[in-house]
Structures are given as C-alpha cells and as structure tokens.
Amino acid sequence: MQEKDVLRRFLFDGLAVRGEWLNITASWQAAKQHHPYPEAVMQLLGEALAATTLLSAIIKFDGNLILQAQGNGSLKSLVAQSTNKLEIRGWARCDDAVTGESLAELLGSGRLALTIEPAIGKPYQGIVPLTGSNLSQAVETYFSQSEQLKTRLWIFANQTQATALFIQELPAQQNEKTREDWQRIEALANTISEQELLSLSCEEVLHRLFNEEQVRLFSAEPISFKCRCSADKVATTIVSLGRETVDKILAEQGEIIADCEFCSSKYHFDKIDIARVFSKALVHADSKTQH
C-alpha cells in the first residue's frame, strides 16, 4: 500500500549518493482547495510543492524554504513554501486565459529563485534562469549552477496527488568510481515511469529501481498543509506602510481588507482596529527603546 503525505529518505551504502521519495495527497488537496486555477497551473503547483518539500528535507535550516518561479507568460508567478517541519502551502498568479501546458509555455522566459528564511539570521537566496521543459529540469539546473552537486528529480502530479523521486550525489572527492556509481544510479532511476511513481509505494519503487543495490531506507516523516497567516502578521504589514498612507486608504475605502494568497482568509481592519494597531506598535517601540 502506498503511504500518503510522507517523505522517506534513503542512502546507498558504500556510495556517495542519497535520495528521497514523497507523496502528498491530503496536504495537496488542502493546499489547492482555495484556488480555482486552470488544470495546467494546478498541476504545476502540485509539482512545485513536491519539489519544495524535497528540498526542505535536504537543506539544513530552521525556518521556511520558498521556491518561486516568475516569468512573462500567462502564468506570472508560482510560489511554494515548506518549513523544516514539512508544513507546506503555495499559490500561483496567472491570466484569466492560460495558454500552454509545459513550464516553458506557461511561464515563458524568467527566473527560478530558492530562498531560505531561517528563524534566526538573515535570509539566503539563490537565483538561476528558468530553463528546461519542466520544473524538475529547472530545479536540477539550480543545483548544478548554485550547489554544484549532481541532482536528478522526477515529479508527477494529477488532480488527487503529487509524488516525487530525488537523487543527489554527496559532497565527496570525485574519482572514476564515484562517477561510475552516480552514472549507474542515475540510469536506473531514469527508468521510472509516471504511472509507477504515482501508484507504487516507496519500498516498491526502490525495489523496482535498485534491487541490486544496498539501500538504507529511513522512517517516514509526515507532510501537512499549514498556512501561517494571522491578524498579527497583517497588522505588522499595515504598520510598515506608515500612518499617513494607511489613513489615506481608510479615507478612500473606509477599511483595509487583506487577503491571504495561500488560504484565501480575509482580514478586515476598520478605523478603530487601525488605531489599536498603531497604538500597540508605539508601545512596543517605546518598550524596546527603554531596554
């Protein structure tokens, strides 16, 4: 039976290669239920969420990892996020009429950015041109240019689930053996089909591909949808606009309404709410000054 909403890490004993497999089903449904995107955009969002989750499991950080693709096509922007606890969310911005199905057709020319927002410290961002016919190839390009590690990624998504397989060389001294090992594992992994990855369990996939290798499989890690929006975070954004700008908006519209692009929650702030927000911010600023 295929496990749902989990990530499994694995290592090849004696080889400088690691890998991951994942399935997102309920978390995928929860992430997309708020957005009536066209089918091609919805599928690409599922792939982006799968890719981001895989990446968040291999990059050591405590915080948030964001994958963002931007282009000049009918799909303007695609954002997928995962925390180090594998809590995911995502959204896309596109024209009313979307043309094309592949990554290149939907996004046109653009860029792929990978941002790490640690709980402590400054954010780190890597940016590469948006290349390849699909998201897997774009992410592989990012690793070859930014991390200089051989990386392969297979991602498939449909209306009900997204699944992915990931292999990457470990930092090690390159020699003829390590090159041959990587070429063999890559060639075996490259025989996986969309149908197999969408229907087989992790154990079945690994046996199907690497039954002659010594593979060490680790325990399943749960994946879940979680939006981290809140009234307090919106209030902080409002304060950053400045009182004069906010008062102008209130004079024109009577209230400020903020929509969460991830879960479609709406936050309303009238004049009384705004006065309380700025008063609280002033008290907080005075407290920091005194300390």
Protein backbone atom coordinates (compact mmCIF):
# COMPACT_ATOMS: atom_id res chain seq x y z
CA MET A 1 0.00 0.00 0.00
CA GLN A 2 1.28 3.44 -0.94
CA GLU A 3 1.94 5.74 2.00
CA LYS A 4 0.23 9.13 1.82
CA ASP A 5 1.56 12.54 2.87
CA VAL A 6 5.00 11.32 3.87
CA LEU A 7 8.62 11.79 2.89
CA ARG A 8 11.14 8.93 3.01
CA ARG A 9 14.90 9.48 2.92
CA PHE A 10 17.30 6.78 1.72
CA LEU A 11 21.03 6.23 1.30
CA PHE A 12 23.06 3.87 -0.85
CA ASP A 13 25.52 2.09 1.44
CA GLY A 14 29.05 2.43 0.15
CA LEU A 15 28.07 5.05 -2.45
CA ALA A 16 28.19 8.85 -2.31
CA VAL A 17 24.54 9.14 -3.27
CA ARG A 18 21.42 9.97 -1.26
CA GLY A 19 17.76 10.13 -2.20
CA GLU A 20 14.21 10.96 -1.20
CA TRP A 21 10.71 9.83 -2.14
CA LEU A 22 7.48 11.55 -1.21
CA ASN A 23 3.74 11.52 -1.65
CA ILE A 24 1.39 14.43 -0.94
CA THR A 25 -2.33 13.68 -1.12
CA ALA A 26 -4.47 15.21 1.65
CA SER A 27 -1.95 18.03 2.08
CA TRP A 28 -2.10 18.66 -1.68
CA GLN A 29 -5.90 18.76 -1.63
CA ALA A 30 -5.84 21.18 1.32
CA ALA A 31 -3.29 23.44 -0.39
CA LYS A 32 -5.24 23.76 -3.64
CA GLN A 33 -8.84 23.85 -2.39
CA HIS A 34 -8.82 27.64 -2.07
CA HIS A 35 -7.70 28.26 -5.65
CA PRO A 36 -9.73 27.55 -8.85
CA TYR A 37 -6.65 27.51 -11.08
CA PRO A 38 -6.67 26.08 -14.63
CA GLU A 39 -5.66 22.42 -14.72
CA ALA A 40 -2.18 23.04 -16.14
CA VAL A 41 -1.41 25.63 -13.45
CA MET A 42 -2.82 23.37 -10.73
CA GLN A 43 -0.59 20.51 -11.85
CA LEU A 44 2.48 22.73 -11.88
CA LEU A 45 1.65 23.98 -8.38
CA GLY A 46 1.49 20.36 -7.18
CA GLU A 47 4.91 19.72 -8.71
CA ALA A 48 6.30 22.86 -7.08
CA LEU A 49 5.01 21.82 -3.65
CA ALA A 50 6.57 18.38 -4.07
CA ALA A 51 9.90 19.90 -5.16
CA THR A 52 9.94 22.39 -2.29
CA THR A 53 9.22 19.68 0.26
CA LEU A 54 12.06 17.53 -1.08
CA LEU A 55 14.46 20.47 -0.96
CA SER A 56 13.46 21.45 2.57
CA ALA A 57 14.40 17.95 3.71
CA ILE A 58 17.96 18.08 2.36
CA ILE A 59 18.91 21.66 3.24
CA LYS A 60 19.68 22.07 6.94
CA PHE A 61 17.75 25.04 8.32
CA ASP A 62 15.19 26.00 10.94
CA GLY A 63 12.56 28.16 9.30
CA ASN A 64 10.99 28.45 5.88
CA LEU A 65 12.08 27.48 2.37
CA ILE A 66 10.46 29.23 -0.60
CA LEU A 67 10.60 28.19 -4.25
CA GLN A 68 9.43 30.93 -6.62
CA ALA A 69 9.23 30.86 -10.40
CA GLN A 70 8.48 34.10 -12.26
CA GLY A 71 8.09 34.66 -15.98
CA ASN A 72 6.47 36.69 -18.73
CA GLY A 73 3.98 34.05 -19.85
CA SER A 74 0.31 33.66 -18.97
CA LEU A 75 1.46 32.17 -15.64
CA LYS A 76 3.12 35.15 -13.98
CA SER A 77 4.30 33.69 -10.68
CA LEU A 78 4.36 30.38 -8.84
CA VAL A 79 5.23 30.14 -5.14
CA ALA A 80 5.62 27.03 -2.99
CA GLN A 81 6.76 27.00 0.64
CA SER A 82 7.79 24.35 3.13
CA THR A 83 9.04 24.65 6.68
CA ASN A 84 11.74 22.40 8.11
CA LYS A 85 8.80 20.51 9.69
CA LEU A 86 7.42 19.77 6.20
CA GLU A 87 4.42 22.11 6.54
CA ILE A 88 3.53 23.22 3.03
CA ARG A 89 1.49 25.90 1.25
CA GLY A 90 1.52 27.53 -2.19
CA TRP A 91 -0.18 29.83 -4.68
CA ALA A 92 0.03 30.98 -8.29
CA ARG A 93 -0.83 34.15 -10.18
CA CYS A 94 -1.96 33.81 -13.78
CA ASP A 95 -4.02 35.41 -16.53
CA ASP A 96 -7.70 34.52 -16.86
CA ALA A 97 -6.86 32.72 -20.10
CA VAL A 98 -3.86 30.43 -19.67
CA THR A 99 -2.10 29.07 -22.72
CA GLY A 100 0.31 26.15 -22.88
CA GLU A 101 1.00 23.16 -20.66
CA SER A 102 4.77 22.87 -20.21
CA LEU A 103 6.83 25.03 -17.87
CA ALA A 104 8.31 26.98 -20.78
CA GLU A 105 4.90 27.55 -22.39
CA LEU A 106 3.22 28.67 -19.17
CA LEU A 107 5.93 30.87 -17.67
CA GLY A 108 7.84 31.94 -20.76
CA SER A 109 11.27 33.38 -20.03
CA GLY A 110 12.00 34.14 -16.41
CA ARG A 111 13.87 33.00 -13.33
CA LEU A 112 13.77 30.46 -10.53
CA ALA A 113 14.57 31.63 -7.01
CA LEU A 114 15.16 29.50 -3.95
CA THR A 115 15.00 31.43 -0.67
CA ILE A 116 15.76 30.20 2.84
CA GLU A 117 14.27 32.27 5.65
CA PRO A 118 15.86 30.99 8.90
CA ALA A 119 14.16 31.56 12.23
CA ILE A 120 17.37 33.28 13.34
CA GLY A 121 19.66 35.12 10.97
CA LYS A 122 19.41 36.67 7.53
CA PRO A 123 17.62 35.11 4.54
CA TYR A 124 19.65 33.47 1.79
CA GLN A 125 18.55 33.42 -1.85
CA GLY A 126 19.87 31.72 -4.96
CA ILE A 127 18.58 32.69 -8.42
CA VAL A 128 19.04 30.96 -11.78
CA PRO A 129 17.43 31.45 -15.22
CA LEU A 130 14.25 29.46 -15.76
CA THR A 131 15.38 26.69 -18.10
CA GLY A 132 14.11 23.26 -19.11
CA SER A 133 10.76 21.97 -20.30
CA ASN A 134 9.54 21.08 -16.79
CA LEU A 135 10.03 22.04 -13.16
CA SER A 136 12.27 19.06 -12.44
CA GLN A 137 14.80 20.24 -15.02
CA ALA A 138 14.65 23.80 -13.69
CA VAL A 139 15.46 22.63 -10.15
CA GLU A 140 18.25 20.39 -11.46
CA THR A 141 19.74 23.44 -13.19
CA TYR A 142 19.62 25.34 -9.91
CA PHE A 143 21.66 22.67 -8.13
CA SER A 144 24.17 22.26 -10.94
CA GLN A 145 24.80 26.04 -11.02
CA SER A 146 24.35 27.05 -7.39
CA GLU A 147 25.32 23.96 -5.36
CA GLN A 148 27.49 22.21 -7.98
CA LEU A 149 26.07 18.84 -6.98
CA LYS A 150 24.74 16.33 -9.50
CA THR A 151 20.99 16.16 -8.88
CA ARG A 152 18.09 14.41 -10.61
CA LEU A 153 14.42 14.87 -9.87
CA TRP A 154 11.27 13.16 -11.14
CA ILE A 155 7.93 14.76 -10.21
CA PHE A 156 4.41 13.90 -11.32
CA ALA A 157 1.13 15.44 -10.18
CA ASN A 158 -2.52 14.90 -11.02
CA GLN A 159 -5.83 16.01 -9.54
CA THR A 160 -5.51 13.82 -6.44
CA GLN A 161 -1.82 13.61 -5.55
CA ALA A 162 1.76 14.54 -6.30
CA THR A 163 4.71 12.17 -5.99
CA ALA A 164 8.42 12.64 -6.49
CA LEU A 165 11.76 10.86 -6.54
CA PHE A 166 15.03 12.65 -5.89
CA ILE A 167 18.67 11.54 -6.03
CA GLN A 168 21.77 13.63 -5.38
CA GLU A 169 25.47 13.00 -5.11
CA LEU A 170 27.00 13.61 -1.70
CA PRO A 171 29.95 16.00 -1.39
CA ALA A 172 32.94 13.72 -1.88
CA GLN A 173 36.23 13.52 -3.70
CA GLN A 174 35.44 12.81 -7.33
CA ASN A 175 37.15 9.84 -8.91
CA GLU A 176 36.37 7.21 -11.50
CA LYS A 177 34.44 5.07 -9.02
CA THR A 178 32.19 7.88 -7.73
CA ARG A 179 31.46 8.93 -11.33
CA GLU A 180 30.59 5.35 -12.31
CA ASP A 181 28.42 4.92 -9.21
CA TRP A 182 26.47 8.08 -9.98
CA GLN A 183 26.00 7.15 -13.64
CA ARG A 184 24.67 3.71 -12.68
CA ILE A 185 22.21 5.01 -10.07
CA GLU A 186 21.04 7.80 -12.37
CA ALA A 187 20.48 5.38 -15.26
CA LEU A 188 18.45 3.05 -13.05
CA ALA A 189 16.35 5.89 -11.60
CA ASN A 190 15.71 7.28 -15.06
CA THR A 191 13.66 4.18 -15.94
CA ILE A 192 10.87 5.19 -13.53
CA SER A 193 7.55 5.96 -15.23
CA GLU A 194 4.82 8.39 -14.27
CA GLN A 195 2.38 5.55 -13.66
CA GLU A 196 4.83 3.73 -11.37
CA LEU A 197 5.70 6.78 -9.30
CA LEU A 198 2.02 7.69 -8.87
CA SER A 199 0.92 4.20 -7.87
CA LEU A 200 3.79 2.34 -6.16
CA SER A 201 4.89 2.61 -2.55
CA CYS A 202 8.35 3.86 -1.66
CA GLU A 203 9.59 0.31 -0.97
CA GLU A 204 8.19 -0.87 -4.29
CA VAL A 205 9.83 2.00 -6.18
CA LEU A 206 13.22 1.36 -4.58
CA HIS A 207 12.98 -2.39 -5.23
CA ARG A 208 11.89 -1.81 -8.80
CA LEU A 209 14.84 0.52 -9.47
CA PHE A 210 17.66 -0.55 -7.16
CA ASN A 211 17.10 -4.19 -6.17
CA GLU A 212 20.79 -4.98 -6.74
CA GLU A 213 21.99 -2.04 -4.59
CA GLN A 214 22.30 -1.81 -0.82
CA VAL A 215 19.68 0.80 0.06
CA ARG A 216 19.09 2.05 3.60
CA LEU A 217 15.54 3.44 3.98
CA PHE A 218 14.66 5.75 6.87
CA SER A 219 11.40 6.22 8.75
CA ALA A 220 8.53 8.16 7.19
CA GLU A 221 8.24 11.87 8.00
CA PRO A 222 4.72 13.38 7.88
CA ILE A 223 3.84 16.19 5.47
CA SER A 224 0.92 18.54 6.16
CA PHE A 225 -0.68 21.71 4.81
CA LYS A 226 -0.44 24.67 7.15
CA CYS A 227 -0.96 28.35 6.44
CA ARG A 228 0.87 30.68 8.78
CA CYS A 229 -1.13 33.84 8.11
CA SER A 230 -2.58 35.73 11.09
CA ALA A 231 -4.13 39.05 12.03
CA ASP A 232 -0.92 39.98 13.88
CA LYS A 233 1.22 39.46 10.77
CA VAL A 234 -1.18 41.56 8.69
CA ALA A 235 -1.09 44.26 11.38
CA THR A 236 2.71 44.34 11.19
CA THR A 237 2.50 44.85 7.42
CA ILE A 238 -0.03 47.65 7.89
CA VAL A 239 2.25 49.45 10.35
CA SER A 240 5.14 49.18 7.88
CA LEU A 241 3.09 51.22 5.37
CA GLY A 242 3.12 54.24 7.69
CA ARG A 243 0.24 56.03 9.37
CA GLU A 244 -0.19 58.64 6.64
CA THR A 245 -0.56 56.06 3.87
CA VAL A 246 -2.92 53.94 5.96
CA ASP A 247 -5.12 56.95 6.82
CA LYS A 248 -5.43 57.78 3.11
CA ILE A 249 -6.61 54.24 2.37
CA LEU A 250 -9.12 54.43 5.22
CA ALA A 251 -10.43 57.79 3.94
CA GLU A 252 -10.97 56.30 0.47
CA GLN A 253 -12.24 52.82 1.34
CA GLY A 254 -13.47 53.01 4.94
CA GLU A 255 -11.48 49.91 5.93
CA ILE A 256 -8.44 47.86 4.96
CA ILE A 257 -9.01 44.33 3.72
CA ALA A 258 -6.09 41.93 3.39
CA ASP A 259 -6.43 38.60 1.57
CA CYS A 260 -4.09 35.68 2.23
CA GLU A 261 -2.91 34.36 -1.14
CA PHE A 262 -2.27 30.92 0.33
CA CYS A 263 -5.57 30.10 2.09
CA SER A 264 -7.88 32.96 0.97
CA SER A 265 -8.54 34.12 4.53
CA LYS A 266 -9.70 37.74 4.74
CA TYR A 267 -8.63 40.20 7.44
CA HIS A 268 -10.67 43.38 7.98
CA PHE A 269 -9.33 46.46 9.76
CA ASP A 270 -11.60 49.48 10.36
CA LYS A 271 -10.59 52.84 11.89
CA ILE A 272 -10.82 51.51 15.45
CA ASP A 273 -8.69 48.47 14.54
CA ILE A 274 -6.08 50.66 12.87
CA ALA A 275 -5.88 52.98 15.87
CA ARG A 276 -5.32 49.97 18.14
CA VAL A 277 -2.67 48.52 15.78
CA PHE A 278 -0.61 51.71 15.68
CA SER A 279 -1.04 52.29 19.42
CA LYS A 280 0.25 48.79 20.13
CA ALA A 281 3.18 49.32 17.75
CA LEU A 282 4.06 52.59 19.51
CA VAL A 283 4.02 50.94 22.94
CA HIS A 284 6.23 48.14 21.63
CA ALA A 285 8.69 50.64 20.12
CA ASP A 286 8.85 52.61 23.40
CA SER A 287 9.48 49.41 25.34
CA LYS A 288 12.40 48.47 23.06
CA THR A 289 13.86 51.98 23.39
CA GLN A 290 13.75 51.79 27.20
CA HIS A 291 15.60 48.49 27.16
